[in-house]
N, C-alpha and C. Protein backbone atom coordinates (compact mmCIF):
# COMPACT_ATOMS: atom_id res chain seq x y z
N UNK A 1 2.42 -83.64 -0.82
CA UNK A 1 1.61 -83.85 0.60
C UNK A 1 1.11 -85.17 0.64
N UNK A 2 0.34 -85.72 -0.31
CA UNK A 2 -0.12 -87.14 -0.29
C UNK A 2 0.79 -88.17 0.13
N UNK A 3 2.12 -87.85 -0.05
CA UNK A 3 2.83 -88.93 0.19
C UNK A 3 2.82 -89.03 1.88
N UNK A 4 2.40 -88.13 2.45
CA UNK A 4 2.67 -88.03 4.04
C UNK A 4 1.49 -89.26 4.46
N UNK A 5 0.34 -89.35 3.56
CA UNK A 5 -0.84 -90.18 4.14
C UNK A 5 -0.55 -91.61 3.41
N UNK A 6 0.40 -91.96 2.61
CA UNK A 6 0.75 -93.28 1.58
C UNK A 6 0.70 -94.45 2.76
N UNK A 7 0.85 -94.35 3.77
CA UNK A 7 0.78 -95.61 4.78
C UNK A 7 -0.31 -95.70 5.59
N UNK A 8 -1.17 -94.74 5.66
CA UNK A 8 -2.33 -94.91 6.43
C UNK A 8 -3.39 -96.05 5.91
N UNK A 9 -3.81 -96.84 6.46
CA UNK A 9 -4.59 -97.75 6.05
C UNK A 9 -6.04 -97.23 6.12
N UNK A 10 -6.91 -97.73 5.02
CA UNK A 10 -8.41 -97.57 5.28
C UNK A 10 -8.72 -96.09 5.02
N UNK A 11 -8.09 -95.43 3.96
CA UNK A 11 -8.34 -94.20 3.95
C UNK A 11 -8.47 -93.65 2.32
N UNK A 12 -9.59 -92.91 1.97
CA UNK A 12 -9.98 -92.62 0.83
C UNK A 12 -9.63 -91.08 0.51
N UNK A 13 -8.97 -90.58 -0.26
CA UNK A 13 -8.66 -89.22 -0.46
C UNK A 13 -9.43 -88.66 -1.38
N UNK A 14 -10.02 -87.59 -1.04
CA UNK A 14 -11.02 -86.88 -1.98
C UNK A 14 -9.99 -85.50 -2.35
N UNK A 15 -10.47 -84.85 -3.67
CA UNK A 15 -9.72 -83.71 -3.73
C UNK A 15 -10.79 -82.40 -3.68
N UNK A 16 -10.29 -81.07 -3.52
CA UNK A 16 -10.99 -80.09 -3.67
C UNK A 16 -12.25 -79.94 -4.58
N UNK A 17 -12.00 -80.32 -5.73
CA UNK A 17 -12.96 -80.36 -6.68
C UNK A 17 -14.14 -81.08 -6.52
N UNK A 18 -13.94 -82.12 -5.62
CA UNK A 18 -15.13 -82.99 -5.30
C UNK A 18 -16.09 -82.17 -4.20
N UNK A 19 -15.47 -81.06 -3.62
CA UNK A 19 -16.34 -80.80 -2.64
C UNK A 19 -17.27 -79.47 -3.65
N UNK A 20 -16.15 -78.75 -4.18
CA UNK A 20 -16.66 -77.30 -4.94
C UNK A 20 -15.45 -76.99 -5.53
N UNK A 21 -15.58 -76.44 -7.06
CA UNK A 21 -14.59 -75.76 -7.46
C UNK A 21 -14.69 -74.40 -7.38
N UNK A 22 -15.68 -73.91 -6.52
CA UNK A 22 -15.51 -72.35 -6.50
C UNK A 22 -15.24 -71.91 -5.18
N UNK A 23 -14.90 -72.85 -4.20
CA UNK A 23 -14.42 -72.23 -2.81
C UNK A 23 -12.99 -71.72 -3.11
N UNK A 24 -12.99 -70.27 -2.76
CA UNK A 24 -11.80 -69.69 -2.70
C UNK A 24 -11.50 -69.27 -1.21
N UNK A 25 -10.21 -69.61 -0.66
CA UNK A 25 -9.78 -68.99 0.46
C UNK A 25 -8.55 -68.44 0.50
N UNK A 26 -8.78 -67.19 0.99
CA UNK A 26 -7.61 -65.98 0.83
C UNK A 26 -6.44 -66.46 2.01
N UNK A 27 -5.24 -66.56 1.64
CA UNK A 27 -4.42 -66.97 2.56
C UNK A 27 -3.83 -65.50 3.19
N UNK A 28 -4.46 -64.97 3.98
CA UNK A 28 -4.17 -63.78 4.60
C UNK A 28 -4.01 -63.88 6.06
N UNK A 29 -3.18 -64.89 6.50
CA UNK A 29 -3.16 -65.14 8.20
C UNK A 29 -1.57 -64.63 8.05
N UNK A 30 -1.18 -64.60 9.57
CA UNK A 30 0.38 -64.24 9.81
C UNK A 30 1.18 -65.32 9.85
N UNK A 31 0.94 -66.67 9.53
CA UNK A 31 2.10 -67.48 9.57
C UNK A 31 1.43 -68.82 8.53
N UNK A 32 2.40 -69.49 8.19
CA UNK A 32 1.86 -70.71 7.23
C UNK A 32 1.06 -71.69 7.79
N UNK A 33 1.35 -71.77 9.12
CA UNK A 33 0.38 -72.56 10.18
C UNK A 33 -0.86 -72.12 9.90
N UNK A 34 -1.03 -70.77 10.47
CA UNK A 34 -2.43 -70.14 10.23
C UNK A 34 -3.16 -70.20 9.09
N UNK A 35 -2.47 -70.24 7.74
CA UNK A 35 -3.09 -70.28 6.85
C UNK A 35 -3.65 -71.88 6.56
N UNK A 36 -2.74 -72.87 6.87
CA UNK A 36 -3.19 -74.24 6.63
C UNK A 36 -4.38 -74.33 7.33
N UNK A 37 -4.53 -73.83 8.79
CA UNK A 37 -5.57 -73.97 9.74
C UNK A 37 -6.73 -73.46 9.11
N UNK A 38 -6.69 -72.21 8.64
CA UNK A 38 -7.83 -71.57 7.88
C UNK A 38 -8.52 -72.24 6.84
N UNK A 39 -7.58 -72.76 5.91
CA UNK A 39 -7.89 -73.70 4.79
C UNK A 39 -8.50 -74.87 5.26
N UNK A 40 -8.17 -75.60 6.16
CA UNK A 40 -8.80 -76.85 6.71
C UNK A 40 -10.14 -76.46 7.22
N UNK A 41 -10.22 -75.53 8.22
CA UNK A 41 -11.45 -75.30 8.88
C UNK A 41 -12.38 -75.06 7.84
N UNK A 42 -12.21 -73.97 7.20
CA UNK A 42 -13.23 -73.24 6.16
C UNK A 42 -13.65 -74.54 5.15
N UNK A 43 -12.87 -75.14 4.54
CA UNK A 43 -13.10 -76.60 3.83
C UNK A 43 -14.08 -77.54 4.31
N UNK A 44 -13.91 -77.77 5.72
CA UNK A 44 -14.35 -78.67 6.44
C UNK A 44 -15.71 -78.20 6.69
N UNK A 45 -16.27 -77.18 6.53
CA UNK A 45 -17.60 -76.72 6.75
C UNK A 45 -18.41 -77.10 5.66
N UNK A 46 -17.74 -77.54 4.53
CA UNK A 46 -18.43 -77.74 3.12
C UNK A 46 -18.55 -79.16 2.97
N UNK A 47 -18.05 -80.14 3.90
CA UNK A 47 -18.26 -81.65 3.98
C UNK A 47 -18.14 -82.43 4.88
N UNK A 48 -18.51 -83.59 4.79
CA UNK A 48 -18.64 -84.34 6.36
C UNK A 48 -17.02 -85.16 6.62
N UNK A 49 -16.29 -85.20 5.45
CA UNK A 49 -15.02 -85.55 5.45
C UNK A 49 -14.01 -84.86 6.31
N UNK A 50 -13.01 -85.47 6.76
CA UNK A 50 -11.87 -84.90 7.04
C UNK A 50 -11.23 -84.09 6.22
N UNK A 51 -10.77 -83.00 6.49
CA UNK A 51 -9.97 -81.92 5.54
C UNK A 51 -8.52 -81.85 6.03
N UNK A 52 -7.70 -82.10 4.99
CA UNK A 52 -6.30 -82.13 5.30
C UNK A 52 -5.88 -80.85 4.42
N UNK A 53 -5.20 -80.08 4.87
CA UNK A 53 -4.65 -79.06 4.14
C UNK A 53 -3.21 -78.31 4.51
N UNK A 54 -2.62 -77.67 3.57
CA UNK A 54 -1.16 -77.33 3.85
C UNK A 54 -0.86 -76.04 3.24
N UNK A 55 0.19 -75.47 3.79
CA UNK A 55 0.80 -74.16 3.35
C UNK A 55 2.58 -74.17 3.48
N UNK A 56 2.97 -73.82 2.20
CA UNK A 56 4.46 -74.11 2.24
C UNK A 56 5.08 -72.48 1.93
N UNK A 57 6.31 -72.45 2.45
CA UNK A 57 6.85 -71.05 2.02
C UNK A 57 8.80 -71.52 2.34
N UNK A 58 9.24 -70.51 1.56
CA UNK A 58 10.58 -70.74 1.50
C UNK A 58 11.21 -69.42 2.24
N UNK A 59 12.10 -69.49 3.38
CA UNK A 59 12.70 -68.40 3.83
C UNK A 59 13.89 -67.99 3.49
N UNK A 60 14.35 -66.81 3.27
CA UNK A 60 15.52 -66.26 2.81
C UNK A 60 15.95 -65.00 3.34
N UNK A 61 16.42 -65.45 4.80
CA UNK A 61 16.70 -64.14 5.62
C UNK A 61 17.65 -63.01 5.01
N UNK A 62 18.51 -63.67 4.17
CA UNK A 62 19.36 -62.36 3.68
C UNK A 62 18.72 -61.42 2.71
N UNK A 63 17.56 -61.87 2.26
CA UNK A 63 16.85 -60.77 1.51
C UNK A 63 16.12 -59.90 2.37
N UNK A 64 15.87 -59.86 3.52
CA UNK A 64 15.29 -59.08 4.19
C UNK A 64 14.06 -58.63 4.20
N UNK A 65 13.54 -57.37 4.00
CA UNK A 65 12.26 -56.72 3.40
C UNK A 65 11.96 -57.23 1.84
N UNK A 66 12.87 -57.47 0.93
CA UNK A 66 12.32 -57.88 0.04
C UNK A 66 11.83 -59.24 -0.13
N UNK A 67 11.74 -59.97 0.86
CA UNK A 67 11.18 -61.50 0.71
C UNK A 67 10.31 -61.63 1.67
N UNK A 68 9.30 -62.38 1.74
CA UNK A 68 8.14 -62.63 2.80
C UNK A 68 7.92 -64.26 2.62
N UNK A 69 8.18 -65.24 3.49
CA UNK A 69 8.01 -66.50 3.58
C UNK A 69 6.69 -66.77 3.20
N UNK A 70 5.63 -65.72 3.27
CA UNK A 70 4.11 -66.04 3.04
C UNK A 70 3.69 -65.94 1.70
N UNK A 71 4.50 -64.93 1.07
CA UNK A 71 4.27 -64.65 -0.36
C UNK A 71 5.16 -65.03 -1.31
N UNK A 72 6.02 -65.90 -1.15
CA UNK A 72 7.00 -66.44 -2.25
C UNK A 72 6.34 -66.33 -3.60
N UNK A 73 5.43 -66.91 -4.02
CA UNK A 73 5.02 -66.69 -5.52
C UNK A 73 4.51 -65.50 -5.86
N UNK A 74 4.04 -64.57 -4.85
CA UNK A 74 3.71 -63.33 -5.45
C UNK A 74 4.77 -62.58 -5.52
N UNK A 75 5.99 -62.76 -4.86
CA UNK A 75 6.98 -61.90 -5.19
C UNK A 75 7.88 -62.14 -6.15
N UNK A 76 7.71 -63.67 -6.73
CA UNK A 76 8.57 -63.70 -7.78
C UNK A 76 7.68 -63.67 -9.24
N UNK A 77 6.26 -63.74 -8.75
CA UNK A 77 5.25 -63.65 -9.83
C UNK A 77 4.59 -64.82 -10.18
N UNK A 78 3.31 -64.86 -9.42
CA UNK A 78 2.59 -66.15 -9.73
C UNK A 78 2.24 -66.62 -11.29
N UNK A 79 2.17 -65.38 -12.08
CA UNK A 79 1.81 -65.76 -13.49
C UNK A 79 3.33 -65.87 -14.55
N UNK A 80 4.19 -65.81 -13.80
CA UNK A 80 5.63 -65.68 -14.71
C UNK A 80 6.10 -67.18 -14.99
N UNK A 81 6.75 -67.54 -15.99
CA UNK A 81 7.08 -68.71 -16.37
C UNK A 81 8.12 -69.37 -15.17
N UNK A 82 8.63 -70.47 -14.94
CA UNK A 82 9.44 -70.83 -14.17
C UNK A 82 10.96 -70.31 -14.32
N UNK A 83 11.08 -69.96 -15.56
CA UNK A 83 12.58 -69.41 -15.92
C UNK A 83 12.65 -67.97 -15.32
N UNK A 84 11.37 -67.28 -15.65
CA UNK A 84 11.22 -65.91 -15.07
C UNK A 84 11.33 -65.77 -13.76
N UNK A 85 10.64 -66.83 -13.02
CA UNK A 85 10.68 -66.84 -11.66
C UNK A 85 12.10 -67.08 -11.07
N UNK A 86 12.59 -67.83 -11.66
CA UNK A 86 14.34 -68.09 -11.31
C UNK A 86 15.06 -66.68 -11.47
N UNK A 87 15.03 -66.20 -12.72
CA UNK A 87 15.59 -65.02 -12.92
C UNK A 87 15.38 -63.85 -12.02
N UNK A 88 13.92 -63.61 -11.43
CA UNK A 88 13.62 -62.69 -10.53
C UNK A 88 14.47 -62.83 -9.21
N UNK A 89 14.24 -64.30 -8.67
CA UNK A 89 14.91 -64.52 -7.47
C UNK A 89 16.29 -64.48 -7.62
N UNK A 90 16.92 -64.78 -8.83
CA UNK A 90 18.47 -64.42 -8.74
C UNK A 90 19.03 -62.87 -8.82
N UNK A 91 17.86 -62.23 -9.33
CA UNK A 91 18.22 -60.86 -9.28
C UNK A 91 17.87 -60.14 -7.91
N UNK A 92 16.88 -60.62 -7.28
CA UNK A 92 16.63 -60.16 -6.03
C UNK A 92 17.88 -60.32 -5.09
N UNK A 93 18.84 -61.45 -5.43
CA UNK A 93 19.78 -61.79 -4.68
C UNK A 93 20.96 -61.25 -4.97
N UNK A 94 21.02 -60.50 -6.01
CA UNK A 94 22.18 -60.00 -6.63
C UNK A 94 23.17 -59.42 -5.50
N UNK A 95 24.41 -59.84 -5.51
CA UNK A 95 25.37 -59.13 -4.49
C UNK A 95 25.55 -59.72 -3.20
N UNK A 96 24.50 -60.90 -2.77
CA UNK A 96 24.60 -61.62 -1.73
C UNK A 96 25.44 -62.68 -1.84
N UNK A 97 26.44 -62.74 -0.80
CA UNK A 97 27.26 -64.15 -0.82
C UNK A 97 26.91 -64.81 0.47
N UNK A 98 27.80 -65.81 0.29
CA UNK A 98 27.65 -66.93 1.50
C UNK A 98 26.61 -67.02 2.43
N UNK A 99 26.51 -66.87 3.78
CA UNK A 99 25.23 -66.80 4.61
C UNK A 99 24.17 -66.32 4.14
N UNK A 100 24.26 -65.24 3.49
CA UNK A 100 23.24 -64.38 2.85
C UNK A 100 22.43 -65.13 1.90
N UNK A 101 23.04 -66.28 1.55
CA UNK A 101 22.33 -67.11 0.69
C UNK A 101 21.50 -68.13 0.91
N UNK A 102 21.44 -68.31 2.47
CA UNK A 102 20.86 -69.53 3.01
C UNK A 102 19.21 -69.42 2.82
N UNK A 103 18.73 -70.69 2.69
CA UNK A 103 17.25 -70.69 2.90
C UNK A 103 16.87 -71.83 3.39
N UNK A 104 15.61 -71.99 3.89
CA UNK A 104 14.80 -73.04 4.41
C UNK A 104 13.51 -73.02 3.96
N UNK A 105 13.19 -74.34 3.78
CA UNK A 105 11.66 -74.71 3.33
C UNK A 105 11.04 -74.98 4.59
N UNK A 106 9.83 -74.53 4.70
CA UNK A 106 8.68 -74.69 5.76
C UNK A 106 7.62 -75.14 5.26
N UNK A 107 6.89 -76.28 6.05
CA UNK A 107 5.78 -76.85 5.52
C UNK A 107 4.83 -76.77 6.91
N UNK A 108 3.49 -76.47 6.65
CA UNK A 108 2.60 -76.50 7.84
C UNK A 108 1.48 -77.13 7.14
N UNK A 109 0.85 -77.85 8.28
CA UNK A 109 -0.35 -79.08 7.77
C UNK A 109 -1.38 -78.53 8.89
N UNK A 110 -2.68 -79.06 8.51
CA UNK A 110 -3.80 -78.78 9.34
C UNK A 110 -4.78 -79.79 8.94
N UNK A 111 -5.49 -80.24 10.11
CA UNK A 111 -6.63 -81.36 9.58
C UNK A 111 -7.88 -80.94 10.57
N UNK A 112 -8.97 -80.87 10.06
CA UNK A 112 -10.32 -80.41 10.58
C UNK A 112 -11.25 -80.89 9.99
N UNK A 113 -12.40 -80.96 10.95
CA UNK A 113 -13.83 -81.77 10.50
C UNK A 113 -14.71 -80.97 11.09
N UNK A 114 -15.84 -80.72 10.44
CA UNK A 114 -17.07 -80.20 10.66
C UNK A 114 -16.73 -78.49 11.10
N UNK A 115 -15.90 -78.06 10.59
CA UNK A 115 -15.52 -76.60 11.08
C UNK A 115 -14.52 -76.57 12.30
N UNK A 116 -14.14 -77.49 12.71
CA UNK A 116 -13.10 -77.64 13.87
C UNK A 116 -12.03 -78.15 13.84
N UNK A 117 -10.84 -77.30 14.27
CA UNK A 117 -9.48 -77.89 13.96
C UNK A 117 -9.26 -78.64 14.90
N UNK A 118 -8.45 -79.93 14.20
CA UNK A 118 -8.09 -81.15 15.16
C UNK A 118 -7.02 -81.24 15.32
N UNK A 119 -5.99 -80.76 14.25
CA UNK A 119 -4.68 -80.87 14.62
C UNK A 119 -3.77 -80.20 13.52
N UNK A 120 -2.92 -79.36 13.99
CA UNK A 120 -1.95 -78.62 12.96
C UNK A 120 -0.65 -78.76 13.53
N UNK A 121 0.47 -78.33 12.55
CA UNK A 121 1.87 -78.43 12.87
C UNK A 121 2.66 -77.59 11.80
N UNK A 122 3.73 -76.92 12.19
CA UNK A 122 4.54 -76.21 11.01
C UNK A 122 5.75 -76.74 11.46
N UNK A 123 6.72 -76.84 10.39
CA UNK A 123 8.17 -77.36 10.88
C UNK A 123 8.96 -76.99 9.73
N UNK A 124 10.49 -76.64 9.93
CA UNK A 124 11.30 -76.68 8.73
C UNK A 124 11.62 -77.71 8.32
N UNK A 125 11.38 -78.14 7.08
CA UNK A 125 11.81 -79.37 6.41
C UNK A 125 13.00 -79.51 5.45
N UNK A 126 13.66 -78.55 5.24
CA UNK A 126 14.80 -78.50 4.48
C UNK A 126 15.65 -77.31 4.67
N UNK A 127 16.96 -77.48 4.33
CA UNK A 127 17.93 -76.20 4.40
C UNK A 127 18.85 -76.56 3.31
N UNK A 128 19.08 -75.28 2.87
CA UNK A 128 20.13 -75.01 1.65
C UNK A 128 20.57 -73.50 1.21
N UNK A 129 20.81 -73.41 0.19
CA UNK A 129 21.46 -71.99 -0.38
C UNK A 129 20.80 -71.82 -1.56
N UNK A 130 20.77 -70.75 -2.05
CA UNK A 130 20.30 -70.34 -3.26
C UNK A 130 21.64 -70.00 -4.27
N UNK A 131 21.57 -70.70 -5.42
CA UNK A 131 22.79 -70.55 -6.28
C UNK A 131 23.11 -69.28 -6.72
N UNK A 132 24.14 -68.65 -6.90
CA UNK A 132 24.24 -67.35 -7.61
C UNK A 132 24.23 -67.07 -9.05
N UNK A 133 24.14 -68.28 -9.71
CA UNK A 133 23.49 -68.29 -11.07
C UNK A 133 23.25 -69.83 -11.60
N UNK A 134 22.09 -69.97 -11.98
CA UNK A 134 21.97 -71.46 -12.59
C UNK A 134 22.80 -71.99 -13.54
N UNK A 135 22.92 -73.38 -13.35
CA UNK A 135 23.78 -73.95 -14.40
C UNK A 135 23.46 -74.18 -15.71
N UNK A 136 22.01 -74.08 -15.94
CA UNK A 136 21.43 -74.11 -17.18
C UNK A 136 20.20 -73.48 -17.06
N UNK A 137 19.54 -73.27 -18.39
CA UNK A 137 18.25 -72.56 -18.47
C UNK A 137 17.15 -73.60 -18.53
N UNK A 138 17.58 -74.97 -18.68
CA UNK A 138 16.44 -75.81 -18.85
C UNK A 138 15.73 -76.14 -17.60
N UNK A 139 14.63 -75.44 -17.29
CA UNK A 139 14.08 -75.67 -16.11
C UNK A 139 12.75 -76.46 -16.24
N UNK A 140 12.78 -77.52 -15.27
CA UNK A 140 11.62 -78.43 -15.38
C UNK A 140 10.36 -77.74 -15.00
N UNK A 141 9.17 -78.19 -15.72
CA UNK A 141 8.05 -77.40 -15.04
C UNK A 141 7.64 -77.69 -13.81
N UNK A 142 7.31 -76.58 -12.84
CA UNK A 142 7.08 -76.71 -11.48
C UNK A 142 8.30 -76.79 -10.69
N UNK A 143 9.63 -76.90 -11.07
CA UNK A 143 10.76 -77.41 -10.56
C UNK A 143 11.57 -75.93 -10.69
N UNK A 144 11.12 -75.01 -10.56
CA UNK A 144 11.92 -73.80 -10.67
C UNK A 144 13.01 -73.41 -9.13
N UNK A 145 12.33 -73.76 -8.05
CA UNK A 145 12.79 -73.55 -7.14
C UNK A 145 13.99 -74.76 -6.74
N UNK A 146 13.60 -75.89 -7.26
CA UNK A 146 14.68 -77.02 -7.00
C UNK A 146 15.73 -76.60 -8.28
N UNK A 147 15.50 -75.61 -9.03
CA UNK A 147 16.44 -75.45 -9.84
C UNK A 147 17.77 -74.55 -9.44
N UNK A 148 17.33 -73.93 -8.11
CA UNK A 148 18.16 -72.94 -7.63
C UNK A 148 18.51 -73.40 -6.31
N UNK A 149 17.69 -74.23 -5.69
CA UNK A 149 18.06 -74.68 -4.28
C UNK A 149 19.33 -75.55 -4.31
N UNK A 150 20.33 -74.97 -3.68
CA UNK A 150 21.73 -75.71 -3.62
C UNK A 150 21.90 -76.41 -2.21
N UNK A 151 22.51 -77.66 -2.33
CA UNK A 151 22.82 -78.27 -1.44
C UNK A 151 24.37 -78.27 -1.20
N UNK A 152 25.14 -77.72 -0.35
CA UNK A 152 26.69 -77.75 -0.15
C UNK A 152 27.26 -78.92 0.00
N UNK A 153 26.36 -79.94 0.82
CA UNK A 153 26.93 -81.30 0.97
C UNK A 153 27.03 -82.24 -0.11
N UNK A 154 26.23 -81.90 -1.15
CA UNK A 154 26.28 -82.72 -2.38
C UNK A 154 26.86 -81.95 -3.39
N UNK A 155 26.86 -80.75 -3.30
CA UNK A 155 27.52 -79.69 -4.62
C UNK A 155 26.75 -79.68 -5.49
N UNK A 156 25.36 -79.61 -5.28
CA UNK A 156 24.29 -79.93 -6.59
C UNK A 156 22.87 -79.20 -5.99
N UNK A 157 22.25 -78.87 -7.07
CA UNK A 157 20.97 -78.63 -6.90
C UNK A 157 19.73 -79.57 -6.57
N UNK A 158 18.45 -79.23 -5.90
CA UNK A 158 17.63 -80.35 -5.90
C UNK A 158 17.33 -81.05 -6.96
N UNK A 159 17.20 -80.21 -8.13
CA UNK A 159 16.84 -80.89 -9.42
C UNK A 159 18.00 -81.95 -9.76
N UNK A 160 19.27 -82.15 -9.25
CA UNK A 160 20.35 -82.50 -9.67
C UNK A 160 20.52 -83.79 -8.75
N UNK A 161 19.84 -83.94 -7.59
CA UNK A 161 20.38 -85.03 -6.77
C UNK A 161 19.66 -86.25 -6.99
N UNK A 162 20.41 -87.35 -6.47
CA UNK A 162 19.56 -88.73 -6.94
C UNK A 162 18.60 -88.95 -5.59
N UNK A 163 18.25 -90.25 -5.80
CA UNK A 163 17.22 -90.79 -5.01
C UNK A 163 17.59 -90.94 -3.68
N UNK A 164 18.81 -91.38 -3.43
CA UNK A 164 19.61 -91.60 -2.21
C UNK A 164 19.88 -90.35 -1.59
N UNK A 165 20.42 -89.13 -2.19
CA UNK A 165 20.38 -87.95 -1.67
C UNK A 165 19.13 -87.28 -1.34
N UNK A 166 18.16 -87.48 -2.21
CA UNK A 166 16.78 -86.84 -1.91
C UNK A 166 16.22 -87.44 -0.40
N UNK A 167 16.48 -88.83 -0.17
CA UNK A 167 16.17 -89.43 0.73
C UNK A 167 16.80 -88.74 2.06
N UNK A 168 18.03 -88.67 2.12
CA UNK A 168 18.74 -87.98 2.97
C UNK A 168 18.34 -86.42 3.54
N UNK A 169 17.76 -85.83 2.30
CA UNK A 169 17.16 -84.42 2.79
C UNK A 169 15.67 -84.73 3.36
N UNK A 170 15.07 -85.64 3.35
CA UNK A 170 13.78 -85.91 3.76
C UNK A 170 13.62 -86.41 5.06
N UNK A 171 14.41 -86.55 6.01
CA UNK A 171 14.69 -87.02 7.11
C UNK A 171 13.40 -86.12 8.23
N UNK A 172 13.58 -84.89 7.99
CA UNK A 172 12.54 -83.96 8.82
C UNK A 172 11.29 -84.30 8.33
N UNK A 173 10.98 -84.53 7.16
CA UNK A 173 9.93 -84.83 6.63
C UNK A 173 9.01 -86.10 7.30
N UNK A 174 10.20 -87.21 7.15
CA UNK A 174 9.55 -88.46 7.53
C UNK A 174 9.06 -88.25 9.13
N UNK A 175 9.84 -87.32 9.97
CA UNK A 175 9.34 -87.20 11.22
C UNK A 175 8.03 -86.77 11.11
N UNK A 176 7.71 -85.65 10.51
CA UNK A 176 6.48 -84.98 10.26
C UNK A 176 5.38 -86.18 10.08
N UNK A 177 5.65 -86.86 9.07
CA UNK A 177 4.96 -87.89 8.33
C UNK A 177 4.25 -89.09 9.58
N UNK A 178 5.50 -89.46 10.30
CA UNK A 178 5.08 -90.05 11.63
C UNK A 178 4.16 -89.81 12.61
N UNK A 179 4.35 -88.26 12.87
CA UNK A 179 3.62 -87.73 13.79
C UNK A 179 2.10 -87.64 13.24
N UNK A 180 1.90 -87.22 11.96
CA UNK A 180 0.62 -87.31 11.42
C UNK A 180 0.19 -88.50 11.38
N UNK A 181 0.44 -89.34 11.04
CA UNK A 181 0.16 -91.07 10.98
C UNK A 181 -0.35 -91.52 12.28
N UNK A 182 0.42 -90.97 13.37
CA UNK A 182 0.13 -91.39 14.92
C UNK A 182 -1.01 -90.56 15.23
N UNK A 183 -1.31 -89.65 14.82
CA UNK A 183 -2.47 -88.75 15.12
C UNK A 183 -3.70 -89.55 14.25
N UNK A 184 -3.73 -89.81 13.02
CA UNK A 184 -4.65 -90.30 12.21
C UNK A 184 -5.19 -91.67 12.90
N UNK A 185 -4.31 -92.47 13.43
CA UNK A 185 -4.33 -93.71 13.99
C UNK A 185 -5.14 -93.44 15.31
N UNK A 186 -4.93 -92.57 16.18
CA UNK A 186 -5.36 -92.28 17.21
C UNK A 186 -7.03 -92.03 17.27
N UNK A 187 -7.19 -91.06 15.83
CA UNK A 187 -8.56 -90.83 15.76
C UNK A 187 -9.32 -91.90 15.16
N UNK A 188 -8.81 -92.80 14.44
CA UNK A 188 -9.02 -93.76 13.88
C UNK A 188 -10.33 -93.92 13.11
């Protein structure tokens, strides 16, 4: 998320633990954007800084009621290892073929100050499919979804694509970055 701010001049980035390590905000809203808004507004009540918050989720329509874009980690097991998360998702998708394996990544962002929401956005940032079976079990830490997220156009998973291919997948994210940076320049 910080890469969205890398071209903004004269900005100092602070992290949550600089405000308080004890603030817990439940993600209980009905959309990713509403969760991001809630986090930004609530955290901004504890500081004079602008607060930038996010929420992300993967949508897999083929799973129907077995999957919730707002609860991805809870469904696969927040405390499980990355391999166990992969195994859980692959098991959930057992028997699904073709279009039923399609997935999309969604990103929600919000900016607040002094308990007031200033800006928010939610957009789909990536499209792919979930593999039927991982090619290997050597899953990089925190890379479990990239291990099973398959790009038909590259015939590779996210963890296998090179930088040129990754840049091709980031075009929507670049549009979001431009919109955010324009807003930040405006409030300057």
